[in-house]
Amino acid sequence: MPKAFEICSQRTDKAENEYIVSLNVTNDWGNGFTGEIQNLSAKPIEAWRLNFDTNFTIEVIWNARMVSAEANSYSIANDITTTPIAANETKTFGFKALKERGVTAEIFNCIVNRVTINENFKSLEFLETGLVLTAFAQYN
């Protein structure tokens, strides 16, 4: 068992000028709709997470994973179909949502963060007490 372990990735926020997030309503029936959120980045993004606030409630999501949902504030993460995002590539995930009739659906306070690899390594020292480290990886 190693005495120390280096973490080679961490989650960091991207600067607002490094990404564009937009909402596209694909079908609106008054008090509900289906929509897509698109993310277009000028630099590659690995393992992203999008945090945003809304004026609607998401019921079902596809091509992404809901990490958390609380009072119209969401954290959505990539799935295998939406990562990585290459430079100048658009990735889209969709959802079905509820809203008040006559209200235009909006997203705001968007923050994109990503997993950065091989930047600012951190070293963790392990105690000698029964630590078990298990890992699984699949390579394509």
Protein backbone atom coordinates (compact mmCIF):
# COMPACT_ATOMS: atom_id res chain seq x y z
CA MET A 1 0.00 0.00 0.00
CA PRO A 2 1.48 3.39 -0.93
CA LYS A 3 2.20 5.92 1.81
CA ALA A 4 0.96 8.80 -0.38
CA PHE A 5 -1.44 9.12 -3.28
CA GLU A 6 -1.43 11.91 -5.91
CA ILE A 7 -4.75 13.28 -7.10
CA CYS A 8 -4.32 14.07 -10.79
CA SER A 9 -7.71 15.65 -11.40
CA GLN A 10 -9.90 18.21 -9.72
CA ARG A 11 -13.12 20.09 -10.49
CA THR A 12 -12.63 23.78 -11.40
CA ASP A 13 -14.98 26.52 -12.56
CA LYS A 14 -14.54 27.82 -16.10
CA ALA A 15 -14.44 31.56 -16.71
CA GLU A 16 -17.69 32.96 -18.11
CA ASN A 17 -15.93 34.00 -21.34
CA GLU A 18 -14.90 30.36 -21.95
CA TYR A 19 -18.39 29.01 -22.57
CA ILE A 20 -21.86 29.81 -23.87
CA VAL A 21 -24.97 28.17 -22.43
CA SER A 22 -28.32 28.62 -24.15
CA LEU A 23 -31.85 27.27 -23.66
CA ASN A 24 -33.80 26.04 -26.69
CA VAL A 25 -37.51 25.29 -26.07
CA THR A 26 -38.43 22.51 -28.51
CA ASN A 27 -42.13 22.11 -27.62
CA ASP A 28 -44.33 24.33 -25.40
CA TRP A 29 -47.86 23.37 -24.30
CA GLY A 30 -48.63 26.27 -21.95
CA ASN A 31 -47.81 24.96 -18.49
CA GLY A 32 -45.01 22.63 -19.60
CA PHE A 33 -42.40 22.21 -22.29
CA THR A 34 -39.49 20.17 -23.57
CA GLY A 35 -36.20 21.91 -24.05
CA GLU A 36 -32.51 21.47 -24.64
CA ILE A 37 -29.55 23.25 -23.10
CA GLN A 38 -26.58 23.62 -25.40
CA ASN A 39 -23.00 24.28 -24.29
CA LEU A 40 -20.50 25.59 -26.86
CA SER A 41 -16.94 25.97 -25.63
CA ALA A 42 -13.83 27.29 -27.38
CA LYS A 43 -11.62 24.90 -25.37
CA PRO A 44 -12.09 21.17 -24.67
CA ILE A 45 -14.03 20.30 -21.51
CA GLU A 46 -13.71 16.93 -19.78
CA ALA A 47 -16.35 15.69 -17.35
CA TRP A 48 -18.40 18.89 -17.09
CA ARG A 49 -21.06 20.01 -14.63
CA LEU A 50 -23.53 22.85 -15.27
CA ASN A 51 -25.13 24.70 -12.35
CA PHE A 52 -28.01 27.06 -13.11
CA ASP A 53 -31.23 28.59 -11.79
CA THR A 54 -34.57 28.52 -13.63
CA ASN A 55 -38.16 29.70 -13.53
CA PHE A 56 -39.40 26.15 -14.20
CA THR A 57 -39.23 22.67 -12.68
CA ILE A 58 -37.41 19.86 -14.50
CA GLU A 59 -39.30 16.54 -14.37
CA VAL A 60 -37.27 14.27 -16.68
CA ILE A 61 -33.77 14.66 -18.16
CA TRP A 62 -31.86 12.81 -20.91
CA ASN A 63 -28.25 12.79 -22.20
CA ALA A 64 -27.08 14.09 -18.80
CA ARG A 65 -27.39 13.30 -15.09
CA MET A 66 -29.21 15.35 -12.46
CA VAL A 67 -26.75 15.79 -9.58
CA SER A 68 -29.02 17.99 -7.47
CA ALA A 69 -32.28 19.90 -7.71
CA GLU A 70 -33.44 22.36 -5.08
CA ALA A 71 -36.00 25.18 -5.45
CA ASN A 72 -35.46 25.66 -9.21
CA SER A 73 -31.68 25.50 -8.84
CA TYR A 74 -30.07 22.59 -10.67
CA SER A 75 -26.71 20.88 -10.99
CA ILE A 76 -26.49 18.74 -14.14
CA ALA A 77 -23.49 16.59 -15.08
CA ASN A 78 -22.37 14.92 -18.27
CA ASP A 79 -23.14 11.36 -19.22
CA ILE A 80 -21.25 9.21 -21.71
CA THR A 81 -23.02 10.89 -24.68
CA THR A 82 -22.07 14.43 -23.67
CA THR A 83 -18.41 14.19 -22.72
CA PRO A 84 -15.86 15.29 -23.62
CA ILE A 85 -16.80 18.53 -25.35
CA ALA A 86 -14.12 19.19 -27.97
CA ALA A 87 -13.11 22.75 -28.87
CA ASN A 88 -15.92 24.51 -30.78
CA GLU A 89 -18.24 21.50 -30.44
CA THR A 90 -21.82 21.69 -29.18
CA LYS A 91 -23.18 19.10 -26.75
CA THR A 92 -26.89 19.07 -25.93
CA PHE A 93 -28.95 17.48 -23.18
CA GLY A 94 -32.71 17.63 -23.00
CA PHE A 95 -35.48 17.66 -20.45
CA LYS A 96 -39.23 17.88 -19.85
CA ALA A 97 -40.29 20.64 -17.47
CA LEU A 98 -43.28 22.34 -15.86
CA LYS A 99 -43.82 26.12 -15.78
CA GLU A 100 -46.60 28.61 -15.19
CA ARG A 101 -48.84 29.23 -18.19
CA GLY A 102 -47.75 32.35 -20.10
CA VAL A 103 -44.26 32.42 -18.58
CA THR A 104 -41.24 32.31 -20.89
CA ALA A 105 -38.78 29.64 -19.71
CA GLU A 106 -35.38 31.04 -18.72
CA ILE A 107 -32.07 29.86 -17.26
CA PHE A 108 -29.72 32.20 -15.39
CA ASN A 109 -26.72 32.21 -13.02
CA CYS A 110 -25.03 29.55 -15.17
CA ILE A 111 -21.69 28.18 -14.00
CA VAL A 112 -19.83 25.49 -15.93
CA ASN A 113 -17.12 23.56 -14.20
CA ARG A 114 -14.93 20.78 -15.48
CA VAL A 115 -12.48 18.18 -14.36
CA THR A 116 -8.94 19.39 -14.96
CA ILE A 117 -6.24 16.78 -15.25
CA ASN A 118 -2.54 17.06 -14.39
CA GLU A 119 -2.85 20.60 -13.00
CA ASN A 120 -1.53 21.45 -9.53
CA PHE A 121 -1.06 17.92 -8.22
CA LYS A 122 -2.04 17.41 -4.62
CA SER A 123 -0.60 14.68 -2.47
CA LEU A 124 -2.64 12.89 0.20
CA GLU A 125 -0.86 11.18 3.06
CA PHE A 126 -2.54 7.98 4.22
CA LEU A 127 -2.73 6.81 7.78
CA GLU A 128 -1.58 3.30 8.61
CA THR A 129 -5.11 2.27 9.66
CA GLY A 130 -6.96 -0.13 7.38
CA LEU A 131 -7.43 2.05 4.31
CA VAL A 132 -8.93 0.23 1.34
CA LEU A 133 -8.54 1.80 -2.09
CA THR A 134 -10.66 0.30 -4.85
CA ALA A 135 -10.74 1.49 -8.46
CA PHE A 136 -12.40 0.44 -11.68
CA ALA A 137 -11.59 1.78 -15.14
CA GLN A 138 -12.75 0.97 -18.62
CA TYR A 139 -10.82 2.17 -21.65
CA ASN A 140 -12.14 2.48 -25.18
